[in-house]
Amino acid sequence: MKKFVLVAALAAATYLVPMSQAEALRPPPPEIKYNLSGTWAGGQATIRQYYDNLTIQIGRRGPFLGWFTGPDSIAVNFTDDPGCCTAKITGNGEVLRWSNNSKWLKE
């Protein structure tokens, strides 16, 4: 039963957004210090975390694939905004400071 649950969880985490070649070649995950799962940005965004993999939904935008790039940073493949964005995790995991100068607070 455990094997089926893990396979189902992996399938659910990966089928939403196709993985690019660059994402497939990324280095091993860093130490994960935070659980980012939850509602963010005044209810406008949702993050789901499975180990170092993230799925981000912003209203009707997404889902987008993201990942931890370090213990205090993430990157997201916003397919509708190429080249955007990375974020620094601050405030004990309650604040994301994005490379486009926006800030999300965890609800």
PDB file of N, CA and C in Angstrom:
ATOM      1  N   MET A   1       0.832  -1.204   0.000  1.00  0.00           N
ATOM      2  CA  MET A   1       0.000   0.000   0.000  1.00  0.00           C
ATOM      3  C   MET A   1       0.872   1.261   0.000  1.00  0.00           C
ATOM      4  N   LYS A   2       1.961   1.269   0.788  1.00  0.00           N
ATOM      5  CA  LYS A   2       2.828   2.439   0.848  1.00  0.00           C
ATOM      6  C   LYS A   2       3.407   2.770  -0.519  1.00  0.00           C
ATOM      7  N   LYS A   3       3.791   1.743  -1.263  1.00  0.00           N
ATOM      8  CA  LYS A   3       4.372   1.967  -2.583  1.00  0.00           C
ATOM      9  C   LYS A   3       3.365   2.646  -3.506  1.00  0.00           C
ATOM     10  N   PHE A   4       2.110   2.226  -3.459  1.00  0.00           N
ATOM     11  CA  PHE A   4       1.068   2.825  -4.294  1.00  0.00           C
ATOM     12  C   PHE A   4       0.844   4.282  -3.924  1.00  0.00           C
ATOM     13  N   VAL A   5       0.806   4.577  -2.635  1.00  0.00           N
ATOM     14  CA  VAL A   5       0.584   5.957  -2.186  1.00  0.00           C
ATOM     15  C   VAL A   5       1.722   6.848  -2.662  1.00  0.00           C
ATOM     16  N   LEU A   6       2.966   6.379  -2.553  1.00  0.00           N
ATOM     17  CA  LEU A   6       4.112   7.169  -2.997  1.00  0.00           C
ATOM     18  C   LEU A   6       4.056   7.396  -4.504  1.00  0.00           C
ATOM     19  N   VAL A   7       3.762   6.364  -5.260  1.00  0.00           N
ATOM     20  CA  VAL A   7       3.663   6.505  -6.715  1.00  0.00           C
ATOM     21  C   VAL A   7       2.547   7.473  -7.079  1.00  0.00           C
ATOM     22  N   ALA A   8       1.409   7.366  -6.405  1.00  0.00           N
ATOM     23  CA  ALA A   8       0.288   8.276  -6.675  1.00  0.00           C
ATOM     24  C   ALA A   8       0.663   9.708  -6.328  1.00  0.00           C
ATOM     25  N   ALA A   9       1.358   9.899  -5.219  1.00  0.00           N
ATOM     26  CA  ALA A   9       1.766  11.250  -4.821  1.00  0.00           C
ATOM     27  C   ALA A   9       2.766  11.827  -5.814  1.00  0.00           C
ATOM     28  N   LEU A  10       3.717  11.019  -6.254  1.00  0.00           N
ATOM     29  CA  LEU A  10       4.687  11.497  -7.245  1.00  0.00           C
ATOM     30  C   LEU A  10       4.006  11.834  -8.553  1.00  0.00           C
ATOM     31  N   ALA A  11       3.069  11.007  -8.975  1.00  0.00           N
ATOM     32  CA  ALA A  11       2.342  11.278 -10.215  1.00  0.00           C
ATOM     33  C   ALA A  11       1.554  12.576 -10.091  1.00  0.00           C
ATOM     34  N   ALA A  12       0.911  12.793  -8.959  1.00  0.00           N
ATOM     35  CA  ALA A  12       0.137  14.017  -8.756  1.00  0.00           C
ATOM     36  C   ALA A  12       1.042  15.238  -8.743  1.00  0.00           C
ATOM     37  N   ALA A  13       2.240  15.100  -8.208  1.00  0.00           N
ATOM     38  CA  ALA A  13       3.155  16.241  -8.110  1.00  0.00           C
ATOM     39  C   ALA A  13       3.805  16.578  -9.444  1.00  0.00           C
ATOM     40  N   THR A  14       3.900  15.615 -10.342  1.00  0.00           N
ATOM     41  CA  THR A  14       4.659  15.861 -11.556  1.00  0.00           C
ATOM     42  C   THR A  14       3.824  16.005 -12.817  1.00  0.00           C
ATOM     43  N   TYR A  15       2.597  15.543 -12.832  1.00  0.00           N
ATOM     44  CA  TYR A  15       1.850  15.594 -14.079  1.00  0.00           C
ATOM     45  C   TYR A  15       1.272  16.965 -14.377  1.00  0.00           C
ATOM     46  N   LEU A  16       1.193  17.836 -13.389  1.00  0.00           N
ATOM     47  CA  LEU A  16       0.550  19.124 -13.586  1.00  0.00           C
ATOM     48  C   LEU A  16       1.317  20.033 -14.545  1.00  0.00           C
ATOM     49  N   VAL A  17       2.629  20.046 -14.430  1.00  0.00           N
ATOM     50  CA  VAL A  17       3.460  20.928 -15.243  1.00  0.00           C
ATOM     51  C   VAL A  17       4.593  20.099 -15.823  1.00  0.00           C
ATOM     52  N   PRO A  18       4.763  20.080 -17.139  1.00  0.00           N
ATOM     53  CA  PRO A  18       5.856  19.305 -17.708  1.00  0.00           C
ATOM     54  C   PRO A  18       7.213  19.830 -17.245  1.00  0.00           C
ATOM     55  N   MET A  19       8.133  18.923 -17.013  1.00  0.00           N
ATOM     56  CA  MET A  19       9.458  19.304 -16.546  1.00  0.00           C
ATOM     57  C   MET A  19      10.355  19.606 -17.747  1.00  0.00           C
ATOM     58  N   SER A  20      11.013  20.730 -17.685  1.00  0.00           N
ATOM     59  CA  SER A  20      11.934  21.088 -18.748  1.00  0.00           C
ATOM     60  C   SER A  20      13.247  20.333 -18.564  1.00  0.00           C
ATOM     61  N   GLN A  21      14.079  20.332 -19.583  1.00  0.00           N
ATOM     62  CA  GLN A  21      15.369  19.663 -19.501  1.00  0.00           C
ATOM     63  C   GLN A  21      16.227  20.290 -18.404  1.00  0.00           C
ATOM     64  N   ALA A  22      16.177  21.610 -18.278  1.00  0.00           N
ATOM     65  CA  ALA A  22      16.968  22.294 -17.248  1.00  0.00           C
ATOM     66  C   ALA A  22      16.523  21.857 -15.853  1.00  0.00           C
ATOM     67  N   GLU A  23      15.214  21.733 -15.641  1.00  0.00           N
ATOM     68  CA  GLU A  23      14.711  21.304 -14.341  1.00  0.00           C
ATOM     69  C   GLU A  23      15.120  19.859 -14.055  1.00  0.00           C
ATOM     70  N   ALA A  24      15.119  19.020 -15.090  1.00  0.00           N
ATOM     71  CA  ALA A  24      15.492  17.620 -14.917  1.00  0.00           C
ATOM     72  C   ALA A  24      16.960  17.474 -14.543  1.00  0.00           C
ATOM     73  N   LEU A  25      17.800  18.432 -14.937  1.00  0.00           N
ATOM     74  CA  LEU A  25      19.233  18.360 -14.684  1.00  0.00           C
ATOM     75  C   LEU A  25      19.673  19.131 -13.449  1.00  0.00           C
ATOM     76  N   ARG A  26      18.724  19.656 -12.683  1.00  0.00           N
ATOM     77  CA  ARG A  26      19.104  20.448 -11.517  1.00  0.00           C
ATOM     78  C   ARG A  26      19.817  19.597 -10.472  1.00  0.00           C
ATOM     79  N   PRO A  27      20.621  20.231  -9.623  1.00  0.00           N
ATOM     80  CA  PRO A  27      21.396  19.486  -8.631  1.00  0.00           C
ATOM     81  C   PRO A  27      20.499  18.891  -7.546  1.00  0.00           C
ATOM     82  N   PRO A  28      21.051  18.016  -6.704  1.00  0.00           N
ATOM     83  CA  PRO A  28      20.268  17.439  -5.614  1.00  0.00           C
ATOM     84  C   PRO A  28      19.684  18.531  -4.726  1.00  0.00           C
ATOM     85  N   PRO A  29      18.563  18.252  -4.080  1.00  0.00           N
ATOM     86  CA  PRO A  29      17.908  19.283  -3.267  1.00  0.00           C
ATOM     87  C   PRO A  29      18.734  19.683  -2.054  1.00  0.00           C
ATOM     88  N   PRO A  30      18.617  20.950  -1.678  1.00  0.00           N
ATOM     89  CA  PRO A  30      19.289  21.410  -0.452  1.00  0.00           C
ATOM     90  C   PRO A  30      18.501  20.956   0.769  1.00  0.00           C
ATOM     91  N   GLU A  31      19.051  21.227   1.920  1.00  0.00           N
ATOM     92  CA  GLU A  31      18.319  20.977   3.163  1.00  0.00           C
ATOM     93  C   GLU A  31      17.046  21.827   3.148  1.00  0.00           C
ATOM     94  N   ILE A  32      15.908  21.206   3.447  1.00  0.00           N
ATOM     95  CA  ILE A  32      14.631  21.919   3.460  1.00  0.00           C
ATOM     96  C   ILE A  32      14.339  22.355   4.900  1.00  0.00           C
ATOM     97  N   LYS A  33      14.273  23.660   5.115  1.00  0.00           N
ATOM     98  CA  LYS A  33      14.052  24.215   6.455  1.00  0.00           C
ATOM     99  C   LYS A  33      12.604  24.626   6.692  1.00  0.00           C
ATOM    100  N   TYR A  34      11.841  24.816   5.605  1.00  0.00           N
ATOM    101  CA  TYR A  34      10.511  25.404   5.740  1.00  0.00           C
ATOM    102  C   TYR A  34       9.455  24.563   5.051  1.00  0.00           C
ATOM    103  N   ASN A  35       8.246  24.643   5.573  1.00  0.00           N
ATOM    104  CA  ASN A  35       7.085  24.095   4.893  1.00  0.00           C
ATOM    105  C   ASN A  35       6.332  25.284   4.309  1.00  0.00           C
ATOM    106  N   LEU A  36       6.392  25.442   3.008  1.00  0.00           N
ATOM    107  CA  LEU A  36       5.759  26.586   2.349  1.00  0.00           C
ATOM    108  C   LEU A  36       4.316  26.310   1.946  1.00  0.00           C
ATOM    109  N   SER A  37       3.828  25.088   2.153  1.00  0.00           N
ATOM    110  CA  SER A  37       2.454  24.756   1.777  1.00  0.00           C
ATOM    111  C   SER A  37       1.470  25.676   2.482  1.00  0.00           C
ATOM    112  N   GLY A  38       0.507  26.160   1.718  1.00  0.00           N
ATOM    113  CA  GLY A  38      -0.524  27.000   2.301  1.00  0.00           C
ATOM    114  C   GLY A  38      -0.952  28.111   1.371  1.00  0.00           C
ATOM    115  N   THR A  39      -1.706  29.022   1.942  1.00  0.00           N
ATOM    116  CA  THR A  39      -2.236  30.164   1.211  1.00  0.00           C
ATOM    117  C   THR A  39      -1.338  31.367   1.447  1.00  0.00           C
ATOM    118  N   TRP A  40      -1.090  32.115   0.371  1.00  0.00           N
ATOM    119  CA  TRP A  40      -0.165  33.243   0.395  1.00  0.00           C
ATOM    120  C   TRP A  40      -0.801  34.463  -0.264  1.00  0.00           C
ATOM    121  N   ALA A  41      -0.180  35.596  -0.059  1.00  0.00           N
ATOM    122  CA  ALA A  41      -0.513  36.849  -0.766  1.00  0.00           C
ATOM    123  C   ALA A  41      -1.992  37.202  -0.637  1.00  0.00           C
ATOM    124  N   GLY A  42      -2.454  37.247   0.578  1.00  0.00           N
ATOM    125  CA  GLY A  42      -3.838  37.647   0.815  1.00  0.00           C
ATOM    126  C   GLY A  42      -4.863  36.714   0.181  1.00  0.00           C
ATOM    127  N   GLY A  43      -4.526  35.444   0.085  1.00  0.00           N
ATOM    128  CA  GLY A  43      -5.438  34.467  -0.499  1.00  0.00           C
ATOM    129  C   GLY A  43      -5.354  34.362  -2.008  1.00  0.00           C
ATOM    130  N   GLN A  44      -4.459  35.118  -2.625  1.00  0.00           N
ATOM    131  CA  GLN A  44      -4.335  35.126  -4.086  1.00  0.00           C
ATOM    132  C   GLN A  44      -3.512  33.960  -4.627  1.00  0.00           C
ATOM    133  N   ALA A  45      -2.675  33.353  -3.782  1.00  0.00           N
ATOM    134  CA  ALA A  45      -1.775  32.290  -4.248  1.00  0.00           C
ATOM    135  C   ALA A  45      -1.816  31.106  -3.287  1.00  0.00           C
ATOM    136  N   THR A  46      -1.594  29.934  -3.858  1.00  0.00           N
ATOM    137  CA  THR A  46      -1.502  28.709  -3.072  1.00  0.00           C
ATOM    138  C   THR A  46      -0.216  27.994  -3.452  1.00  0.00           C
ATOM    139  N   ILE A  47       0.499  27.532  -2.440  1.00  0.00           N
ATOM    140  CA  ILE A  47       1.695  26.729  -2.669  1.00  0.00           C
ATOM    141  C   ILE A  47       1.458  25.366  -2.056  1.00  0.00           C
ATOM    142  N   ARG A  48       1.789  24.333  -2.833  1.00  0.00           N
ATOM    143  CA  ARG A  48       1.786  22.963  -2.327  1.00  0.00           C
ATOM    144  C   ARG A  48       3.230  22.475  -2.398  1.00  0.00           C
ATOM    145  N   GLN A  49       3.699  21.884  -1.320  1.00  0.00           N
ATOM    146  CA  GLN A  49       5.083  21.432  -1.236  1.00  0.00           C
ATOM    147  C   GLN A  49       5.117  19.931  -1.051  1.00  0.00           C
ATOM    148  N   TYR A  50       5.948  19.264  -1.844  1.00  0.00           N
ATOM    149  CA  TYR A  50       6.228  17.849  -1.683  1.00  0.00           C
ATOM    150  C   TYR A  50       7.745  17.711  -1.673  1.00  0.00           C
ATOM    151  N   TYR A  51       8.314  17.552  -0.486  1.00  0.00           N
ATOM    152  CA  TYR A  51       9.758  17.586  -0.289  1.00  0.00           C
ATOM    153  C   TYR A  51      10.313  18.910  -0.828  1.00  0.00           C
ATOM    154  N   ASP A  52      11.176  18.876  -1.846  1.00  0.00           N
ATOM    155  CA  ASP A  52      11.740  20.132  -2.361  1.00  0.00           C
ATOM    156  C   ASP A  52      11.005  20.621  -3.599  1.00  0.00           C
ATOM    157  N   ASN A  53       9.922  19.955  -3.989  1.00  0.00           N
ATOM    158  CA  ASN A  53       9.135  20.365  -5.158  1.00  0.00           C
ATOM    159  C   ASN A  53       7.947  21.216  -4.732  1.00  0.00           C
ATOM    160  N   LEU A  54       7.688  22.247  -5.506  1.00  0.00           N
ATOM    161  CA  LEU A  54       6.579  23.161  -5.218  1.00  0.00           C
ATOM    162  C   LEU A  54       5.656  23.245  -6.421  1.00  0.00           C
ATOM    163  N   THR A  55       4.375  23.376  -6.160  1.00  0.00           N
ATOM    164  CA  THR A  55       3.397  23.692  -7.184  1.00  0.00           C
ATOM    165  C   THR A  55       2.700  24.966  -6.740  1.00  0.00           C
ATOM    166  N   ILE A  56       2.723  25.981  -7.589  1.00  0.00           N
ATOM    167  CA  ILE A  56       2.189  27.297  -7.245  1.00  0.00           C
ATOM    168  C   ILE A  56       1.010  27.607  -8.155  1.00  0.00           C
ATOM    169  N   GLN A  57      -0.091  28.028  -7.551  1.00  0.00           N
ATOM    170  CA  GLN A  57      -1.289  28.451  -8.275  1.00  0.00           C
ATOM    171  C   GLN A  57      -1.573  29.890  -7.851  1.00  0.00           C
ATOM    172  N   ILE A  58      -1.739  30.786  -8.812  1.00  0.00           N
ATOM    173  CA  ILE A  58      -2.047  32.187  -8.520  1.00  0.00           C
ATOM    174  C   ILE A  58      -3.367  32.498  -9.200  1.00  0.00           C
ATOM    175  N   GLY A  59      -4.444  32.447  -8.441  1.00  0.00           N
ATOM    176  CA  GLY A  59      -5.767  32.631  -9.042  1.00  0.00           C
ATOM    177  C   GLY A  59      -5.970  31.609 -10.148  1.00  0.00           C
ATOM    178  N   ARG A  60      -6.230  32.100 -11.369  1.00  0.00           N
ATOM    179  CA  ARG A  60      -6.406  31.204 -12.518  1.00  0.00           C
ATOM    180  C   ARG A  60      -5.091  30.920 -13.244  1.00  0.00           C
ATOM    181  N   ARG A  61      -4.005  31.549 -12.804  1.00  0.00           N
ATOM    182  CA  ARG A  61      -2.681  31.305 -13.407  1.00  0.00           C
ATOM    183  C   ARG A  61      -2.078  30.044 -12.805  1.00  0.00           C
ATOM    184  N   GLY A  62      -1.457  29.270 -13.646  1.00  0.00           N
ATOM    185  CA  GLY A  62      -0.771  28.086 -13.163  1.00  0.00           C
ATOM    186  C   GLY A  62      -1.565  26.830 -13.436  1.00  0.00           C
ATOM    187  N   PRO A  63      -1.101  25.741 -12.880  1.00  0.00           N
ATOM    188  CA  PRO A  63      -0.061  25.629 -11.868  1.00  0.00           C
ATOM    189  C   PRO A  63       1.338  25.783 -12.467  1.00  0.00           C
ATOM    190  N   PHE A  64       2.261  26.235 -11.617  1.00  0.00           N
ATOM    191  CA  PHE A  64       3.653  26.425 -11.990  1.00  0.00           C
ATOM    192  C   PHE A  64       4.528  25.557 -11.098  1.00  0.00           C
ATOM    193  N   LEU A  65       5.593  25.028 -11.669  1.00  0.00           N
ATOM    194  CA  LEU A  65       6.518  24.183 -10.933  1.00  0.00           C
ATOM    195  C   LEU A  65       7.614  25.029 -10.309  1.00  0.00           C
ATOM    196  N   GLY A  66       7.917  24.757  -9.057  1.00  0.00           N
ATOM    197  CA  GLY A  66       8.994  25.445  -8.353  1.00  0.00           C
ATOM    198  C   GLY A  66       9.819  24.453  -7.561  1.00  0.00           C
ATOM    199  N   TRP A  67      10.959  24.906  -7.050  1.00  0.00           N
ATOM    200  CA  TRP A  67      11.850  24.051  -6.285  1.00  0.00           C
ATOM    201  C   TRP A  67      12.741  24.906  -5.407  1.00  0.00           C
ATOM    202  N   PHE A  68      13.266  24.289  -4.369  1.00  0.00           N
ATOM    203  CA  PHE A  68      14.226  24.954  -3.490  1.00  0.00           C
ATOM    204  C   PHE A  68      15.576  25.003  -4.187  1.00  0.00           C
ATOM    205  N   THR A  69      16.205  26.163  -4.179  1.00  0.00           N
ATOM    206  CA  THR A  69      17.539  26.321  -4.742  1.00  0.00           C
ATOM    207  C   THR A  69      18.593  26.417  -3.645  1.00  0.00           C
ATOM    208  N   GLY A  70      18.162  26.549  -2.433  1.00  0.00           N
ATOM    209  CA  GLY A  70      19.010  26.622  -1.252  1.00  0.00           C
ATOM    210  C   GLY A  70      18.109  26.520  -0.045  1.00  0.00           C
ATOM    211  N   PRO A  71      18.662  26.493   1.152  1.00  0.00           N
ATOM    212  CA  PRO A  71      17.823  26.370   2.340  1.00  0.00           C
ATOM    213  C   PRO A  71      16.872  27.545   2.537  1.00  0.00           C
ATOM    214  N   ASP A  72      17.212  28.713   1.969  1.00  0.00           N
ATOM    215  CA  ASP A  72      16.390  29.916   2.152  1.00  0.00           C
ATOM    216  C   ASP A  72      15.972  30.540   0.825  1.00  0.00           C
ATOM    217  N   SER A  73      15.883  29.737  -0.236  1.00  0.00           N
ATOM    218  CA  SER A  73      15.525  30.312  -1.543  1.00  0.00           C
ATOM    219  C   SER A  73      14.818  29.290  -2.422  1.00  0.00           C
ATOM    220  N   ILE A  74      13.974  29.818  -3.308  1.00  0.00           N
ATOM    221  CA  ILE A  74      13.244  28.984  -4.258  1.00  0.00           C
ATOM    222  C   ILE A  74      13.316  29.615  -5.644  1.00  0.00           C
ATOM    223  N   ALA A  75      13.028  28.815  -6.642  1.00  0.00           N
ATOM    224  CA  ALA A  75      12.860  29.291  -8.011  1.00  0.00           C
ATOM    225  C   ALA A  75      11.552  28.715  -8.520  1.00  0.00           C
ATOM    226  N   VAL A  76      10.888  29.459  -9.391  1.00  0.00           N
ATOM    227  CA  VAL A  76       9.620  29.018  -9.963  1.00  0.00           C
ATOM    228  C   VAL A  76       9.669  29.237 -11.462  1.00  0.00           C
ATOM    229  N   ASN A  77       9.194  28.258 -12.199  1.00  0.00           N
ATOM    230  CA  ASN A  77       9.097  28.363 -13.650  1.00  0.00           C
ATOM    231  C   ASN A  77       7.716  28.917 -13.994  1.00  0.00           C
ATOM    232  N   PHE A  78       7.593  30.247 -13.953  1.00  0.00           N
ATOM    233  CA  PHE A  78       6.342  30.889 -14.354  1.00  0.00           C
ATOM    234  C   PHE A  78       6.309  30.880 -15.882  1.00  0.00           C
ATOM    235  N   THR A  79       5.647  29.899 -16.447  1.00  0.00           N
ATOM    236  CA  THR A  79       5.662  29.701 -17.897  1.00  0.00           C
ATOM    237  C   THR A  79       5.019  30.855 -18.658  1.00  0.00           C
ATOM    238  N   ASP A  80       4.194  31.648 -18.000  1.00  0.00           N
ATOM    239  CA  ASP A  80       3.586  32.801 -18.671  1.00  0.00           C
ATOM    240  C   ASP A  80       4.393  34.083 -18.465  1.00  0.00           C
ATOM    241  N   ASP A  81       5.529  33.974 -17.763  1.00  0.00           N
ATOM    242  CA  ASP A  81       6.418  35.112 -17.524  1.00  0.00           C
ATOM    243  C   ASP A  81       7.858  34.602 -17.525  1.00  0.00           C
ATOM    244  N   PRO A  82       8.379  34.220 -18.696  1.00  0.00           N
ATOM    245  CA  PRO A  82       9.705  33.597 -18.775  1.00  0.00           C
ATOM    246  C   PRO A  82      10.788  34.433 -18.087  1.00  0.00           C
ATOM    247  N   GLY A  83      11.656  33.723 -17.377  1.00  0.00           N
ATOM    248  CA  GLY A  83      12.755  34.387 -16.679  1.00  0.00           C
ATOM    249  C   GLY A  83      12.405  34.838 -15.283  1.00  0.00           C
ATOM    250  N   CYS A  84      11.149  34.774 -14.914  1.00  0.00           N
ATOM    251  CA  CYS A  84      10.715  35.177 -13.585  1.00  0.00           C
ATOM    252  C   CYS A  84      10.391  33.918 -12.803  1.00  0.00           C
ATOM    253  N   CYS A  85      10.726  33.684 -11.725  1.00  0.00           N
ATOM    254  CA  CYS A  85      11.250  34.453 -10.631  1.00  0.00           C
ATOM    255  C   CYS A  85      11.940  33.544  -9.638  1.00  0.00           C
ATOM    256  N   THR A  86      12.719  34.150  -8.801  1.00  0.00           N
ATOM    257  CA  THR A  86      13.279  33.484  -7.633  1.00  0.00           C
ATOM    258  C   THR A  86      12.777  34.236  -6.408  1.00  0.00           C
ATOM    259  N   ALA A  87      12.871  33.586  -5.261  1.00  0.00           N
ATOM    260  CA  ALA A  87      12.430  34.240  -4.027  1.00  0.00           C
ATOM    261  C   ALA A  87      13.338  33.839  -2.880  1.00  0.00           C
ATOM    262  N   LYS A  88      13.564  34.790  -1.986  1.00  0.00           N
ATOM    263  CA  LYS A  88      14.250  34.544  -0.722  1.00  0.00           C
ATOM    264  C   LYS A  88      13.182  34.292   0.330  1.00  0.00           C
ATOM    265  N   ILE A  89      13.419  33.289   1.151  1.00  0.00           N
ATOM    266  CA  ILE A  89      12.485  32.948   2.229  1.00  0.00           C
ATOM    267  C   ILE A  89      12.977  33.629   3.491  1.00  0.00           C
ATOM    268  N   THR A  90      12.127  34.465   4.080  1.00  0.00           N
ATOM    269  CA  THR A  90      12.483  35.177   5.305  1.00  0.00           C
ATOM    270  C   THR A  90      11.348  35.023   6.311  1.00  0.00           C
ATOM    271  N   GLY A  91      11.501  35.694   7.435  1.00  0.00           N
ATOM    272  CA  GLY A  91      10.430  35.694   8.439  1.00  0.00           C
ATOM    273  C   GLY A  91      10.070  34.306   8.919  1.00  0.00           C
ATOM    274  N   ASN A  92      11.083  33.455   9.141  1.00  0.00           N
ATOM    275  CA  ASN A  92      10.866  32.094   9.616  1.00  0.00           C
ATOM    276  C   ASN A  92       9.932  31.307   8.692  1.00  0.00           C
ATOM    277  N   GLY A  93      10.059  31.541   7.380  1.00  0.00           N
ATOM    278  CA  GLY A  93       9.264  30.815   6.399  1.00  0.00           C
ATOM    279  C   GLY A  93       7.907  31.418   6.120  1.00  0.00           C
ATOM    280  N   GLU A  94       7.651  32.607   6.635  1.00  0.00           N
ATOM    281  CA  GLU A  94       6.349  33.246   6.473  1.00  0.00           C
ATOM    282  C   GLU A  94       6.344  34.354   5.429  1.00  0.00           C
ATOM    283  N   VAL A  95       7.512  34.669   4.854  1.00  0.00           N
ATOM    284  CA  VAL A  95       7.615  35.760   3.879  1.00  0.00           C
ATOM    285  C   VAL A  95       8.443  35.286   2.687  1.00  0.00           C
ATOM    286  N   LEU A  96       7.935  35.544   1.478  1.00  0.00           N
ATOM    287  CA  LEU A  96       8.689  35.316   0.245  1.00  0.00           C
ATOM    288  C   LEU A  96       8.975  36.668  -0.379  1.00  0.00           C
ATOM    289  N   ARG A  97      10.247  36.979  -0.567  1.00  0.00           N
ATOM    290  CA  ARG A  97      10.665  38.228  -1.222  1.00  0.00           C
ATOM    291  C   ARG A  97      11.157  37.862  -2.616  1.00  0.00           C
ATOM    292  N   TRP A  98      10.343  38.231  -3.615  1.00  0.00           N
ATOM    293  CA  TRP A  98      10.561  37.819  -4.991  1.00  0.00           C
ATOM    294  C   TRP A  98      11.563  38.714  -5.715  1.00  0.00           C
ATOM    295  N   SER A  99      12.205  38.149  -6.720  1.00  0.00           N
ATOM    296  CA  SER A  99      13.197  38.874  -7.514  1.00  0.00           C
ATOM    297  C   SER A  99      12.575  39.999  -8.342  1.00  0.00           C
ATOM    298  N   ASN A 100      11.264  40.007  -8.497  1.00  0.00           N
ATOM    299  CA  ASN A 100      10.600  41.113  -9.197  1.00  0.00           C
ATOM    300  C   ASN A 100      10.134  42.189  -8.217  1.00  0.00           C
ATOM    301  N   ASN A 101      10.673  42.157  -6.985  1.00  0.00           N
ATOM    302  CA  ASN A 101      10.407  43.132  -5.911  1.00  0.00           C
ATOM    303  C   ASN A 101       9.033  43.020  -5.279  1.00  0.00           C
ATOM    304  N   SER A 102       8.312  41.946  -5.546  1.00  0.00           N
ATOM    305  CA  SER A 102       7.045  41.743  -4.824  1.00  0.00           C
ATOM    306  C   SER A 102       7.313  40.918  -3.567  1.00  0.00           C
ATOM    307  N   LYS A 103       6.350  40.919  -2.669  1.00  0.00           N
ATOM    308  CA  LYS A 103       6.480  40.216  -1.403  1.00  0.00           C
ATOM    309  C   LYS A 103       5.166  39.485  -1.112  1.00  0.00           C
ATOM    310  N   TRP A 104       5.274  38.215  -0.768  1.00  0.00           N
ATOM    311  CA  TRP A 104       4.110  37.431  -0.360  1.00  0.00           C
ATOM    312  C   TRP A 104       4.231  37.096   1.115  1.00  0.00           C
ATOM    313  N   LEU A 105       3.119  37.240   1.836  1.00  0.00           N
ATOM    314  CA  LEU A 105       3.044  36.831   3.227  1.00  0.00           C
ATOM    315  C   LEU A 105       2.179  35.578   3.318  1.00  0.00           C
ATOM    316  N   LYS A 106       2.570  34.652   4.172  1.00  0.00           N
ATOM    317  CA  LYS A 106       1.797  33.425   4.361  1.00  0.00           C
ATOM    318  C   LYS A 106       0.602  33.735   5.243  1.00  0.00           C
ATOM    319  N   GLU A 107      -0.534  33.202   4.864  1.00  0.00           N
ATOM    320  CA  GLU A 107      -1.772  33.428   5.636  1.00  0.00           C
ATOM    321  C   GLU A 107      -1.784  32.561   6.872  1.00  0.00           C
TER     322      GLU A 107
END
